[in-house]
Amino acid sequence: MPSLQIVPTKSSPPPALVSPDAVSPPPIVPPGKPRRKKREPPHLECEELARLFHVILAPRDRAIFRVAYHAGLRASEIGLLELRDYNQRTERIMIHRLKGSDSGEHGCSREESRALHAWLKVRGSLPGPLFASNRRQGISRFMLDKLIKKYGFLSGLPAKLRHFHVFKHSCAVHLLDKGLGIEDVQDWLGHVNIQSTAIYAKITNPRRQRVAEQLMDTWR
């Protein structure tokens, strides 16, 4: 009986031996999207604000914009103001804030009081919205948006600043510019969370600048 012969066949080479101590390379992970840098809240410079008020001649509109700026109000909060909220004797307005912010009394500045008195001479003492529409309802956000775009165009404001919320941003920045503490600005704007106010401190902080100037020649 002939002997059985084993004929080698062509096959794939055996896999390379891997040492048990070898460490496999980490998986390749595609780079994630870079974190988007938060934009600073758009606000009006003092010169831009002066130009804006210069072109507002209508008593109602001037009073609206004055109160919105000095109290840091949203458009929807302007429409909530009633005549009974304004005390002419004490020059204070009861502000009804939205979106979870704290409501409270707001002490009017001289410019606010002047604008409000001029408007009430036209408006009269009939109870109802302080700033009414033609339908005798509180002025709408839509109408306020039209007004800021109109006066913003007349005063030469950039298009990105022609929106009503710019008054709240400007109020916060200008109060910090005047040296008020962040807690005071938080209370002024009705912010519940101080982080909502802190974003404005990144734009300007005069106290930090004053400290830097004092340390410039003395800190060795």
N, C-alpha and C. Protein backbone atom coordinates (compact mmCIF):
# COMPACT_ATOMS: atom_id res chain seq x y z
N MET A 1 0.87 -1.20 0.00
CA MET A 1 0.00 0.00 0.00
C MET A 1 0.88 1.22 0.00
N PRO A 2 0.72 2.11 -0.96
CA PRO A 2 1.59 3.29 -1.02
C PRO A 2 1.41 4.16 0.19
N SER A 3 2.51 4.83 0.62
CA SER A 3 2.43 5.72 1.81
C SER A 3 1.71 6.99 1.44
N LEU A 4 1.00 7.51 2.47
CA LEU A 4 0.21 8.74 2.28
C LEU A 4 1.13 9.94 2.37
N GLN A 5 1.10 10.76 1.35
CA GLN A 5 1.92 11.97 1.35
C GLN A 5 1.05 13.21 1.54
N ILE A 6 1.55 14.11 2.36
CA ILE A 6 0.82 15.37 2.63
C ILE A 6 1.41 16.44 1.74
N VAL A 7 0.58 16.94 0.87
CA VAL A 7 1.03 17.97 -0.06
C VAL A 7 0.64 19.33 0.48
N PRO A 8 1.60 20.21 0.69
CA PRO A 8 1.23 21.55 1.21
C PRO A 8 0.39 22.32 0.21
N THR A 9 -0.59 23.02 0.74
CA THR A 9 -1.47 23.85 -0.10
C THR A 9 -1.19 25.31 0.16
N LYS A 10 -1.52 26.12 -0.86
CA LYS A 10 -1.34 27.57 -0.72
C LYS A 10 -2.41 28.13 0.20
N SER A 11 -2.01 28.84 1.15
CA SER A 11 -2.97 29.44 2.09
C SER A 11 -2.42 30.77 2.57
N SER A 12 -3.25 31.50 3.27
CA SER A 12 -2.82 32.80 3.82
C SER A 12 -1.79 32.56 4.89
N PRO A 13 -0.83 33.47 4.99
CA PRO A 13 0.20 33.30 6.03
C PRO A 13 -0.44 33.38 7.41
N PRO A 14 0.09 32.66 8.33
CA PRO A 14 -0.47 32.70 9.70
C PRO A 14 -0.38 34.10 10.28
N PRO A 15 -1.33 34.45 11.12
CA PRO A 15 -1.28 35.79 11.72
C PRO A 15 -0.06 35.96 12.58
N ALA A 16 0.43 37.18 12.59
CA ALA A 16 1.62 37.47 13.39
C ALA A 16 1.26 37.32 14.86
N LEU A 17 2.18 36.80 15.59
CA LEU A 17 1.97 36.64 17.02
C LEU A 17 2.06 38.01 17.70
N VAL A 18 1.13 38.26 18.62
CA VAL A 18 1.10 39.54 19.35
C VAL A 18 1.45 39.27 20.78
N SER A 19 2.36 40.02 21.27
CA SER A 19 2.77 39.86 22.66
C SER A 19 1.63 40.26 23.57
N PRO A 20 1.39 39.52 24.62
CA PRO A 20 0.31 39.88 25.55
C PRO A 20 0.53 41.22 26.23
N ASP A 21 1.79 41.67 26.24
CA ASP A 21 2.08 42.96 26.88
C ASP A 21 1.90 44.14 25.94
N ALA A 22 1.63 43.84 24.66
CA ALA A 22 1.51 44.95 23.70
C ALA A 22 0.25 45.75 23.98
N VAL A 23 0.35 47.06 23.80
CA VAL A 23 -0.80 47.96 24.04
C VAL A 23 -1.30 48.45 22.71
N SER A 24 -2.63 48.22 22.46
CA SER A 24 -3.17 48.68 21.19
C SER A 24 -3.34 50.19 21.21
N PRO A 25 -3.12 50.80 20.06
CA PRO A 25 -3.24 52.26 19.99
C PRO A 25 -4.67 52.69 20.25
N PRO A 26 -4.86 53.86 20.83
CA PRO A 26 -6.22 54.33 21.11
C PRO A 26 -6.98 54.57 19.81
N PRO A 27 -8.27 54.36 19.85
CA PRO A 27 -9.05 54.58 18.62
C PRO A 27 -9.00 56.04 18.20
N ILE A 28 -9.04 56.22 16.91
CA ILE A 28 -9.00 57.58 16.37
C ILE A 28 -10.38 58.20 16.49
N VAL A 29 -10.45 59.29 17.24
CA VAL A 29 -11.72 59.98 17.44
C VAL A 29 -11.70 61.27 16.65
N PRO A 30 -12.68 61.46 15.79
CA PRO A 30 -12.68 62.71 15.00
C PRO A 30 -12.79 63.91 15.92
N PRO A 31 -12.06 64.96 15.61
CA PRO A 31 -12.09 66.15 16.47
C PRO A 31 -13.50 66.74 16.54
N GLY A 32 -13.88 67.13 17.74
CA GLY A 32 -15.21 67.72 17.91
C GLY A 32 -15.22 69.16 17.43
N LYS A 33 -16.41 69.71 17.38
CA LYS A 33 -16.55 71.10 16.96
C LYS A 33 -15.98 72.02 18.03
N PRO A 34 -15.24 73.02 17.63
CA PRO A 34 -14.71 73.95 18.63
C PRO A 34 -15.85 74.64 19.36
N ARG A 35 -15.64 74.86 20.65
CA ARG A 35 -16.67 75.51 21.45
C ARG A 35 -16.88 76.94 20.97
N ARG A 36 -18.12 77.25 20.71
CA ARG A 36 -18.43 78.58 20.19
C ARG A 36 -18.28 79.63 21.29
N LYS A 37 -17.56 80.67 20.99
CA LYS A 37 -17.37 81.74 21.96
C LYS A 37 -18.64 82.56 22.08
N LYS A 38 -19.04 82.78 23.33
CA LYS A 38 -20.25 83.55 23.55
C LYS A 38 -20.04 85.00 23.14
N ARG A 39 -21.01 85.51 22.39
CA ARG A 39 -20.90 86.88 21.95
C ARG A 39 -21.32 87.83 23.06
N GLU A 40 -20.70 88.99 23.09
CA GLU A 40 -21.08 89.99 24.07
C GLU A 40 -22.46 90.53 23.74
N PRO A 41 -23.27 90.79 24.76
CA PRO A 41 -24.60 91.36 24.50
C PRO A 41 -24.46 92.70 23.78
N PRO A 42 -25.14 92.88 22.67
CA PRO A 42 -25.05 94.15 21.94
C PRO A 42 -25.65 95.28 22.77
N HIS A 43 -24.96 96.40 22.82
CA HIS A 43 -25.43 97.53 23.61
C HIS A 43 -25.08 98.84 22.91
N LEU A 44 -25.73 99.89 23.34
CA LEU A 44 -25.48 101.22 22.77
C LEU A 44 -24.41 101.94 23.56
N GLU A 45 -23.50 102.57 22.85
CA GLU A 45 -22.57 103.47 23.51
C GLU A 45 -23.34 104.76 23.87
N CYS A 46 -22.78 105.51 24.82
CA CYS A 46 -23.48 106.71 25.29
C CYS A 46 -23.74 107.70 24.15
N GLU A 47 -22.79 107.80 23.23
CA GLU A 47 -22.96 108.73 22.10
C GLU A 47 -24.08 108.25 21.18
N GLU A 48 -24.19 106.93 20.99
CA GLU A 48 -25.27 106.39 20.17
C GLU A 48 -26.62 106.60 20.84
N LEU A 49 -26.64 106.45 22.14
CA LEU A 49 -27.89 106.65 22.88
C LEU A 49 -28.34 108.11 22.77
N ALA A 50 -27.40 109.04 22.88
CA ALA A 50 -27.74 110.46 22.76
C ALA A 50 -28.29 110.77 21.37
N ARG A 51 -27.71 110.19 20.33
CA ARG A 51 -28.21 110.39 18.98
C ARG A 51 -29.62 109.85 18.82
N LEU A 52 -29.87 108.70 19.45
CA LEU A 52 -31.20 108.09 19.35
C LEU A 52 -32.26 108.99 19.98
N PHE A 53 -32.02 109.46 21.19
CA PHE A 53 -33.01 110.30 21.86
C PHE A 53 -33.17 111.65 21.15
N HIS A 54 -32.15 112.07 20.45
CA HIS A 54 -32.22 113.34 19.75
C HIS A 54 -33.28 113.33 18.64
N VAL A 55 -33.51 112.16 18.05
CA VAL A 55 -34.45 112.08 16.93
C VAL A 55 -35.86 111.69 17.38
N ILE A 56 -36.03 111.35 18.67
CA ILE A 56 -37.36 110.96 19.17
C ILE A 56 -38.06 112.20 19.71
N LEU A 57 -39.01 112.70 18.94
CA LEU A 57 -39.70 113.93 19.33
C LEU A 57 -41.10 113.67 19.88
N ALA A 58 -41.74 112.58 19.50
CA ALA A 58 -43.09 112.27 19.97
C ALA A 58 -43.05 112.01 21.48
N PRO A 59 -43.89 112.69 22.27
CA PRO A 59 -43.86 112.54 23.74
C PRO A 59 -44.04 111.10 24.21
N ARG A 60 -44.99 110.39 23.59
CA ARG A 60 -45.19 109.00 24.02
C ARG A 60 -43.96 108.15 23.78
N ASP A 61 -43.41 108.24 22.58
CA ASP A 61 -42.27 107.40 22.22
C ASP A 61 -41.04 107.76 23.06
N ARG A 62 -40.87 109.03 23.32
CA ARG A 62 -39.72 109.45 24.12
C ARG A 62 -39.82 108.89 25.54
N ALA A 63 -41.04 108.91 26.10
CA ALA A 63 -41.24 108.37 27.45
C ALA A 63 -41.03 106.85 27.45
N ILE A 64 -41.52 106.19 26.42
CA ILE A 64 -41.34 104.73 26.32
C ILE A 64 -39.86 104.37 26.33
N PHE A 65 -39.10 105.03 25.49
CA PHE A 65 -37.69 104.68 25.35
C PHE A 65 -36.89 105.06 26.60
N ARG A 66 -37.29 106.15 27.25
CA ARG A 66 -36.62 106.55 28.48
C ARG A 66 -36.82 105.52 29.58
N VAL A 67 -38.05 105.10 29.78
CA VAL A 67 -38.35 104.12 30.82
C VAL A 67 -37.70 102.78 30.49
N ALA A 68 -37.77 102.38 29.23
CA ALA A 68 -37.18 101.10 28.82
C ALA A 68 -35.68 101.09 29.09
N TYR A 69 -35.01 102.19 28.79
CA TYR A 69 -33.56 102.25 28.99
C TYR A 69 -33.19 102.32 30.47
N HIS A 70 -33.78 103.26 31.19
CA HIS A 70 -33.36 103.49 32.57
C HIS A 70 -33.78 102.36 33.51
N ALA A 71 -34.90 101.70 33.21
CA ALA A 71 -35.33 100.59 34.06
C ALA A 71 -34.87 99.24 33.54
N GLY A 72 -34.31 99.21 32.32
CA GLY A 72 -33.85 97.95 31.75
C GLY A 72 -34.99 96.99 31.47
N LEU A 73 -35.98 97.45 30.70
CA LEU A 73 -37.19 96.66 30.47
C LEU A 73 -37.18 95.95 29.12
N ARG A 74 -37.84 94.81 29.10
CA ARG A 74 -38.12 94.12 27.84
C ARG A 74 -39.32 94.80 27.16
N ALA A 75 -39.48 94.54 25.88
CA ALA A 75 -40.60 95.14 25.14
C ALA A 75 -41.93 94.71 25.73
N SER A 76 -42.05 93.44 26.07
CA SER A 76 -43.32 92.93 26.60
C SER A 76 -43.64 93.52 27.97
N GLU A 77 -42.62 93.97 28.70
CA GLU A 77 -42.86 94.57 30.02
C GLU A 77 -43.34 96.01 29.91
N ILE A 78 -42.99 96.69 28.82
CA ILE A 78 -43.50 98.04 28.59
C ILE A 78 -45.01 98.01 28.43
N GLY A 79 -45.52 97.03 27.71
CA GLY A 79 -46.96 96.93 27.47
C GLY A 79 -47.76 96.60 28.72
N LEU A 80 -47.09 96.12 29.78
CA LEU A 80 -47.80 95.78 31.02
C LEU A 80 -48.00 96.98 31.94
N LEU A 81 -47.29 98.06 31.70
CA LEU A 81 -47.37 99.22 32.60
C LEU A 81 -48.74 99.87 32.52
N GLU A 82 -49.30 100.15 33.69
CA GLU A 82 -50.58 100.84 33.79
C GLU A 82 -50.34 102.23 34.40
N LEU A 83 -51.30 103.12 34.18
CA LEU A 83 -51.17 104.47 34.74
C LEU A 83 -51.05 104.41 36.26
N ARG A 84 -51.76 103.50 36.90
CA ARG A 84 -51.72 103.40 38.36
C ARG A 84 -50.36 102.94 38.88
N ASP A 85 -49.52 102.37 37.99
CA ASP A 85 -48.20 101.93 38.41
C ASP A 85 -47.24 103.09 38.63
N TYR A 86 -47.57 104.24 38.08
CA TYR A 86 -46.67 105.40 38.15
C TYR A 86 -47.17 106.37 39.21
N ASN A 87 -46.34 106.63 40.21
CA ASN A 87 -46.65 107.58 41.28
C ASN A 87 -45.90 108.87 41.00
N GLN A 88 -46.62 109.88 40.57
CA GLN A 88 -45.98 111.15 40.22
C GLN A 88 -45.43 111.87 41.44
N ARG A 89 -46.00 111.60 42.60
CA ARG A 89 -45.53 112.29 43.81
C ARG A 89 -44.16 111.78 44.23
N THR A 90 -43.97 110.46 44.18
CA THR A 90 -42.68 109.87 44.59
C THR A 90 -41.75 109.60 43.41
N GLU A 91 -42.28 109.77 42.19
CA GLU A 91 -41.51 109.47 40.97
C GLU A 91 -40.98 108.04 40.97
N ARG A 92 -41.90 107.12 41.23
CA ARG A 92 -41.57 105.70 41.22
C ARG A 92 -42.58 104.95 40.36
N ILE A 93 -42.12 103.90 39.70
CA ILE A 93 -42.97 103.07 38.86
C ILE A 93 -42.89 101.63 39.35
N MET A 94 -44.03 101.00 39.47
CA MET A 94 -44.07 99.57 39.80
C MET A 94 -43.83 98.78 38.52
N ILE A 95 -42.73 98.07 38.48
CA ILE A 95 -42.33 97.31 37.30
C ILE A 95 -42.77 95.86 37.46
N HIS A 96 -43.45 95.35 36.45
CA HIS A 96 -43.87 93.94 36.43
C HIS A 96 -42.98 93.20 35.44
N ARG A 97 -41.99 92.52 35.96
CA ARG A 97 -41.03 91.84 35.09
C ARG A 97 -41.49 90.43 34.76
N LEU A 98 -41.03 89.95 33.62
CA LEU A 98 -41.42 88.63 33.12
C LEU A 98 -40.22 87.68 33.15
N LYS A 99 -40.46 86.46 32.67
CA LYS A 99 -39.42 85.42 32.55
C LYS A 99 -38.75 85.12 33.88
N GLY A 100 -39.53 85.16 34.97
CA GLY A 100 -39.00 84.79 36.27
C GLY A 100 -38.19 85.86 36.96
N SER A 101 -38.07 87.04 36.38
CA SER A 101 -37.31 88.11 37.02
C SER A 101 -38.12 88.71 38.17
N ASP A 102 -37.43 89.37 39.07
CA ASP A 102 -38.07 89.97 40.24
C ASP A 102 -38.71 91.30 39.88
N SER A 103 -39.99 91.44 40.20
CA SER A 103 -40.69 92.70 40.01
C SER A 103 -40.42 93.61 41.20
N GLY A 104 -40.73 94.89 41.05
CA GLY A 104 -40.51 95.82 42.15
C GLY A 104 -40.61 97.26 41.68
N GLU A 105 -40.47 98.19 42.62
CA GLU A 105 -40.54 99.60 42.29
C GLU A 105 -39.23 100.10 41.70
N HIS A 106 -39.37 100.97 40.75
CA HIS A 106 -38.22 101.58 40.07
C HIS A 106 -38.27 103.08 40.29
N GLY A 107 -37.18 103.63 40.84
CA GLY A 107 -37.09 105.07 41.02
C GLY A 107 -36.67 105.75 39.73
N CYS A 108 -37.48 106.71 39.28
CA CYS A 108 -37.22 107.36 37.99
C CYS A 108 -36.07 108.35 38.08
N SER A 109 -35.32 108.41 37.03
CA SER A 109 -34.28 109.43 36.90
C SER A 109 -34.93 110.75 36.47
N ARG A 110 -34.15 111.80 36.47
CA ARG A 110 -34.69 113.10 36.08
C ARG A 110 -35.19 113.10 34.64
N GLU A 111 -34.44 112.44 33.75
CA GLU A 111 -34.85 112.39 32.35
C GLU A 111 -36.13 111.58 32.16
N GLU A 112 -36.25 110.50 32.91
CA GLU A 112 -37.49 109.71 32.85
C GLU A 112 -38.69 110.53 33.30
N SER A 113 -38.54 111.19 34.45
CA SER A 113 -39.65 111.97 34.99
C SER A 113 -40.07 113.07 34.03
N ARG A 114 -39.08 113.73 33.43
CA ARG A 114 -39.37 114.80 32.47
C ARG A 114 -40.15 114.26 31.27
N ALA A 115 -39.73 113.11 30.77
CA ALA A 115 -40.41 112.51 29.61
C ALA A 115 -41.81 112.03 29.98
N LEU A 116 -41.96 111.44 31.16
CA LEU A 116 -43.26 110.95 31.59
C LEU A 116 -44.25 112.09 31.81
N HIS A 117 -43.80 113.19 32.42
CA HIS A 117 -44.68 114.33 32.64
C HIS A 117 -45.15 114.92 31.31
N ALA A 118 -44.25 115.01 30.35
CA ALA A 118 -44.62 115.54 29.04
C ALA A 118 -45.64 114.62 28.36
N TRP A 119 -45.48 113.32 28.53
CA TRP A 119 -46.41 112.38 27.91
C TRP A 119 -47.78 112.43 28.59
N LEU A 120 -47.82 112.54 29.91
CA LEU A 120 -49.10 112.53 30.61
C LEU A 120 -49.91 113.79 30.32
N LYS A 121 -49.26 114.88 29.95
CA LYS A 121 -50.01 116.07 29.54
C LYS A 121 -50.80 115.79 28.26
N VAL A 122 -50.28 114.90 27.43
CA VAL A 122 -50.96 114.52 26.19
C VAL A 122 -51.94 113.38 26.46
N ARG A 123 -51.51 112.42 27.22
CA ARG A 123 -52.31 111.22 27.45
C ARG A 123 -53.55 111.50 28.27
N GLY A 124 -53.41 112.31 29.33
CA GLY A 124 -54.51 112.52 30.24
C GLY A 124 -54.48 111.54 31.40
N SER A 125 -55.51 111.58 32.23
CA SER A 125 -55.55 110.78 33.46
C SER A 125 -56.50 109.60 33.38
N LEU A 126 -56.92 109.21 32.18
CA LEU A 126 -57.82 108.08 32.03
C LEU A 126 -57.12 106.80 32.46
N PRO A 127 -57.74 106.01 33.35
CA PRO A 127 -57.10 104.75 33.77
C PRO A 127 -56.87 103.82 32.59
N GLY A 128 -55.87 103.00 32.72
CA GLY A 128 -55.55 102.04 31.66
C GLY A 128 -54.07 101.96 31.43
N PRO A 129 -53.67 101.39 30.30
CA PRO A 129 -52.23 101.25 30.00
C PRO A 129 -51.52 102.61 30.00
N LEU A 130 -50.32 102.63 30.55
CA LEU A 130 -49.54 103.86 30.53
C LEU A 130 -49.17 104.23 29.10
N PHE A 131 -48.88 103.22 28.30
CA PHE A 131 -48.55 103.43 26.89
C PHE A 131 -49.49 102.57 26.06
N ALA A 132 -50.55 103.17 25.60
CA ALA A 132 -51.60 102.41 24.92
C ALA A 132 -51.41 102.44 23.41
N SER A 133 -51.97 101.41 22.78
CA SER A 133 -52.03 101.37 21.32
C SER A 133 -53.31 102.06 20.87
N ASN A 134 -53.56 102.04 19.57
CA ASN A 134 -54.78 102.64 19.05
C ASN A 134 -56.04 101.92 19.55
N ARG A 135 -55.86 100.66 19.97
CA ARG A 135 -56.99 99.89 20.48
C ARG A 135 -57.13 100.02 21.99
N ARG A 136 -56.39 100.96 22.57
CA ARG A 136 -56.43 101.22 24.01
C ARG A 136 -55.95 100.02 24.83
N GLN A 137 -55.13 99.22 24.23
CA GLN A 137 -54.46 98.13 24.94
C GLN A 137 -52.99 98.50 25.09
N GLY A 138 -52.30 97.76 25.95
CA GLY A 138 -50.88 98.02 26.11
C GLY A 138 -50.16 97.87 24.79
N ILE A 139 -49.21 98.77 24.52
CA ILE A 139 -48.51 98.75 23.25
C ILE A 139 -47.83 97.40 23.05
N SER A 140 -47.87 96.90 21.84
CA SER A 140 -47.40 95.55 21.54
C SER A 140 -45.90 95.52 21.25
N ARG A 141 -45.33 94.32 21.35
CA ARG A 141 -43.93 94.13 21.01
C ARG A 141 -43.69 94.43 19.53
N PHE A 142 -44.67 94.09 18.72
CA PHE A 142 -44.54 94.34 17.28
C PHE A 142 -44.39 95.84 17.00
N MET A 143 -45.22 96.65 17.67
CA MET A 143 -45.15 98.09 17.46
C MET A 143 -43.85 98.67 18.00
N LEU A 144 -43.40 98.17 19.12
CA LEU A 144 -42.14 98.65 19.70
C LEU A 144 -40.96 98.30 18.79
N ASP A 145 -41.05 97.14 18.16
CA ASP A 145 -39.99 96.76 17.22
C ASP A 145 -39.97 97.71 16.02
N LYS A 146 -41.14 98.11 15.55
CA LYS A 146 -41.21 99.06 14.44
C LYS A 146 -40.62 100.41 14.86
N LEU A 147 -40.89 100.82 16.09
CA LEU A 147 -40.39 102.11 16.55
C LEU A 147 -38.87 102.14 16.67
N ILE A 148 -38.29 101.08 17.24
CA ILE A 148 -36.83 101.08 17.40
C ILE A 148 -36.14 101.00 16.05
N LYS A 149 -36.75 100.30 15.10
CA LYS A 149 -36.15 100.25 13.77
C LYS A 149 -36.27 101.62 13.08
N LYS A 150 -37.39 102.28 13.28
CA LYS A 150 -37.58 103.60 12.68
C LYS A 150 -36.59 104.61 13.25
N TYR A 151 -36.55 104.74 14.56
CA TYR A 151 -35.67 105.73 15.18
C TYR A 151 -34.20 105.32 15.09
N GLY A 152 -33.95 104.02 15.10
CA GLY A 152 -32.58 103.56 14.92
C GLY A 152 -32.04 103.94 13.55
N PHE A 153 -32.89 103.84 12.53
CA PHE A 153 -32.49 104.24 11.18
C PHE A 153 -32.24 105.74 11.12
N LEU A 154 -33.16 106.52 11.70
CA LEU A 154 -33.02 107.98 11.65
C LEU A 154 -31.77 108.47 12.38
N SER A 155 -31.38 107.75 13.42
CA SER A 155 -30.20 108.18 14.19
C SER A 155 -28.91 107.55 13.70
N GLY A 156 -29.00 106.70 12.67
CA GLY A 156 -27.80 106.10 12.11
C GLY A 156 -27.24 104.94 12.90
N LEU A 157 -28.06 104.26 13.69
CA LEU A 157 -27.57 103.10 14.43
C LEU A 157 -27.33 101.94 13.47
N PRO A 158 -26.34 101.11 13.74
CA PRO A 158 -26.16 99.89 12.92
C PRO A 158 -27.40 99.01 13.02
N ALA A 159 -27.67 98.26 11.99
CA ALA A 159 -28.87 97.42 11.96
C ALA A 159 -28.91 96.45 13.12
N LYS A 160 -27.75 95.94 13.55
CA LYS A 160 -27.73 94.95 14.63
C LYS A 160 -28.15 95.54 15.97
N LEU A 161 -28.16 96.86 16.09
CA LEU A 161 -28.57 97.50 17.34
C LEU A 161 -30.00 98.02 17.30
N ARG A 162 -30.68 97.79 16.20
CA ARG A 162 -32.05 98.29 16.08
C ARG A 162 -33.05 97.25 16.56
N HIS A 163 -32.91 96.82 17.80
CA HIS A 163 -33.90 95.93 18.40
C HIS A 163 -34.11 96.37 19.85
N PHE A 164 -35.29 96.12 20.37
CA PHE A 164 -35.69 96.73 21.64
C PHE A 164 -34.88 96.21 22.83
N HIS A 165 -34.44 94.97 22.78
CA HIS A 165 -33.73 94.41 23.93
C HIS A 165 -32.38 95.09 24.16
N VAL A 166 -31.96 95.90 23.20
CA VAL A 166 -30.69 96.60 23.35
C VAL A 166 -30.73 97.57 24.53
N PHE A 167 -31.93 98.00 24.92
CA PHE A 167 -32.04 98.93 26.06
C PHE A 167 -31.69 98.23 27.37
N LYS A 168 -32.12 97.00 27.53
CA LYS A 168 -31.78 96.27 28.76
C LYS A 168 -30.28 96.02 28.84
N HIS A 169 -29.67 95.62 27.71
CA HIS A 169 -28.23 95.42 27.68
C HIS A 169 -27.49 96.73 27.98
N SER A 170 -27.95 97.81 27.37
CA SER A 170 -27.27 99.11 27.55
C SER A 170 -27.39 99.58 28.99
N CYS A 171 -28.55 99.38 29.59
CA CYS A 171 -28.75 99.77 30.99
C CYS A 171 -27.73 99.08 31.89
N ALA A 172 -27.58 97.77 31.71
CA ALA A 172 -26.65 97.00 32.54
C ALA A 172 -25.21 97.47 32.36
N VAL A 173 -24.80 97.63 31.10
CA VAL A 173 -23.42 98.03 30.82
C VAL A 173 -23.13 99.42 31.38
N HIS A 174 -24.06 100.36 31.21
CA HIS A 174 -23.83 101.73 31.66
C HIS A 174 -23.83 101.84 33.18
N LEU A 175 -24.64 101.03 33.86
CA LEU A 175 -24.62 101.04 35.32
C LEU A 175 -23.27 100.53 35.84
N LEU A 176 -22.76 99.49 35.21
CA LEU A 176 -21.44 98.99 35.60
C LEU A 176 -20.36 100.02 35.27
N ASP A 177 -20.53 100.73 34.16
CA ASP A 177 -19.60 101.80 33.79
C ASP A 177 -19.54 102.88 34.86
N LYS A 178 -20.68 103.13 35.51
CA LYS A 178 -20.76 104.16 36.53
C LYS A 178 -20.19 103.70 37.87
N GLY A 179 -19.77 102.44 37.93
CA GLY A 179 -19.13 101.94 39.14
C GLY A 179 -20.03 101.18 40.08
N LEU A 180 -21.28 100.91 39.71
CA LEU A 180 -22.15 100.13 40.58
C LEU A 180 -21.64 98.70 40.68
N GLY A 181 -21.82 98.12 41.86
CA GLY A 181 -21.43 96.73 42.05
C GLY A 181 -22.36 95.79 41.30
N ILE A 182 -21.88 94.60 41.01
CA ILE A 182 -22.65 93.66 40.21
C ILE A 182 -23.94 93.25 40.93
N GLU A 183 -23.89 93.20 42.30
CA GLU A 183 -25.11 92.86 43.04
C GLU A 183 -26.14 93.97 42.90
N ASP A 184 -25.69 95.23 42.87
CA ASP A 184 -26.63 96.35 42.70
C ASP A 184 -27.29 96.31 41.32
N VAL A 185 -26.50 95.99 40.32
CA VAL A 185 -27.05 95.91 38.96
C VAL A 185 -28.01 94.73 38.85
N GLN A 186 -27.68 93.63 39.51
CA GLN A 186 -28.58 92.47 39.53
C GLN A 186 -29.93 92.87 40.11
N ASP A 187 -29.91 93.60 41.21
CA ASP A 187 -31.16 94.03 41.84
C ASP A 187 -31.91 95.02 40.96
N TRP A 188 -31.18 95.93 40.31
CA TRP A 188 -31.80 96.95 39.46
C TRP A 188 -32.56 96.31 38.30
N LEU A 189 -31.97 95.27 37.71
CA LEU A 189 -32.57 94.61 36.55
C LEU A 189 -33.54 93.50 36.92
N GLY A 190 -33.61 93.16 38.20
CA GLY A 190 -34.51 92.09 38.62
C GLY A 190 -34.03 90.70 38.31
N HIS A 191 -32.72 90.54 38.09
CA HIS A 191 -32.19 89.21 37.79
C HIS A 191 -32.25 88.33 39.04
N VAL A 192 -32.76 87.12 38.90
CA VAL A 192 -32.77 86.17 40.00
C VAL A 192 -31.40 85.54 40.17
N ASN A 193 -30.76 85.20 39.06
CA ASN A 193 -29.45 84.57 39.05
C ASN A 193 -28.39 85.60 38.71
N ILE A 194 -27.39 85.73 39.55
CA ILE A 194 -26.35 86.74 39.32
C ILE A 194 -25.55 86.44 38.06
N GLN A 195 -25.57 85.20 37.59
CA GLN A 195 -24.86 84.87 36.36
C GLN A 195 -25.44 85.61 35.16
N SER A 196 -26.74 85.95 35.26
CA SER A 196 -27.36 86.72 34.18
C SER A 196 -26.79 88.13 34.12
N THR A 197 -26.32 88.62 35.26
CA THR A 197 -25.73 89.96 35.32
C THR A 197 -24.24 89.92 35.02
N ALA A 198 -23.59 88.81 35.37
CA ALA A 198 -22.14 88.71 35.24
C ALA A 198 -21.67 88.84 33.80
N ILE A 199 -22.53 88.47 32.84
CA ILE A 199 -22.09 88.56 31.44
C ILE A 199 -21.78 90.00 31.04
N TYR A 200 -22.43 90.96 31.71
CA TYR A 200 -22.17 92.36 31.38
C TYR A 200 -20.86 92.86 31.99
N ALA A 201 -20.47 92.24 33.11
CA ALA A 201 -19.22 92.64 33.75
C ALA A 201 -18.01 92.31 32.89
N LYS A 202 -18.17 91.37 31.95
CA LYS A 202 -17.06 91.02 31.06
C LYS A 202 -16.83 92.12 30.02
N ILE A 203 -17.84 92.94 29.80
CA ILE A 203 -17.70 94.02 28.83
C ILE A 203 -16.96 95.20 29.43
N THR A 204 -17.31 95.51 30.63
CA THR A 204 -16.70 96.67 31.27
C THR A 204 -16.65 96.47 32.77
N ASN A 205 -15.56 96.86 33.37
CA ASN A 205 -15.43 96.79 34.81
C ASN A 205 -14.51 97.92 35.26
N PRO A 206 -15.05 99.10 35.50
CA PRO A 206 -14.22 100.26 35.83
C PRO A 206 -13.47 100.08 37.14
N ARG A 207 -14.04 99.32 38.08
CA ARG A 207 -13.33 99.13 39.35
C ARG A 207 -12.04 98.37 39.13
N ARG A 208 -12.10 97.34 38.27
CA ARG A 208 -10.89 96.58 37.97
C ARG A 208 -9.85 97.45 37.29
N GLN A 209 -10.32 98.34 36.40
CA GLN A 209 -9.40 99.23 35.72
C GLN A 209 -8.74 100.20 36.69
N ARG A 210 -9.53 100.73 37.66
CA ARG A 210 -8.96 101.65 38.64
C ARG A 210 -7.90 100.97 39.50
N VAL A 211 -8.19 99.72 39.89
CA VAL A 211 -7.22 98.98 40.68
C VAL A 211 -5.94 98.76 39.87
N ALA A 212 -6.09 98.43 38.59
CA ALA A 212 -4.92 98.21 37.74
C ALA A 212 -4.08 99.48 37.63
N GLU A 213 -4.74 100.63 37.51
CA GLU A 213 -4.01 101.89 37.42
C GLU A 213 -3.27 102.22 38.72
N GLN A 214 -3.90 101.88 39.85
CA GLN A 214 -3.26 102.14 41.14
C GLN A 214 -2.04 101.24 41.33
N LEU A 215 -2.13 100.00 40.83
CA LEU A 215 -1.04 99.05 41.02
C LEU A 215 0.08 99.21 39.99
N MET A 216 -0.19 99.96 38.93
CA MET A 216 0.76 100.06 37.83
C MET A 216 2.13 100.51 38.30
N ASP A 217 2.18 101.51 39.16
CA ASP A 217 3.47 102.08 39.59
C ASP A 217 3.86 101.64 41.00
N THR A 218 3.00 100.91 41.69
CA THR A 218 3.30 100.57 43.08
C THR A 218 3.54 99.09 43.31
N TRP A 219 3.03 98.25 42.45
CA TRP A 219 3.17 96.80 42.65
C TRP A 219 4.44 96.31 41.95
N ARG A 220 5.40 95.92 42.72
CA ARG A 220 6.68 95.47 42.18
C ARG A 220 6.80 93.95 42.29
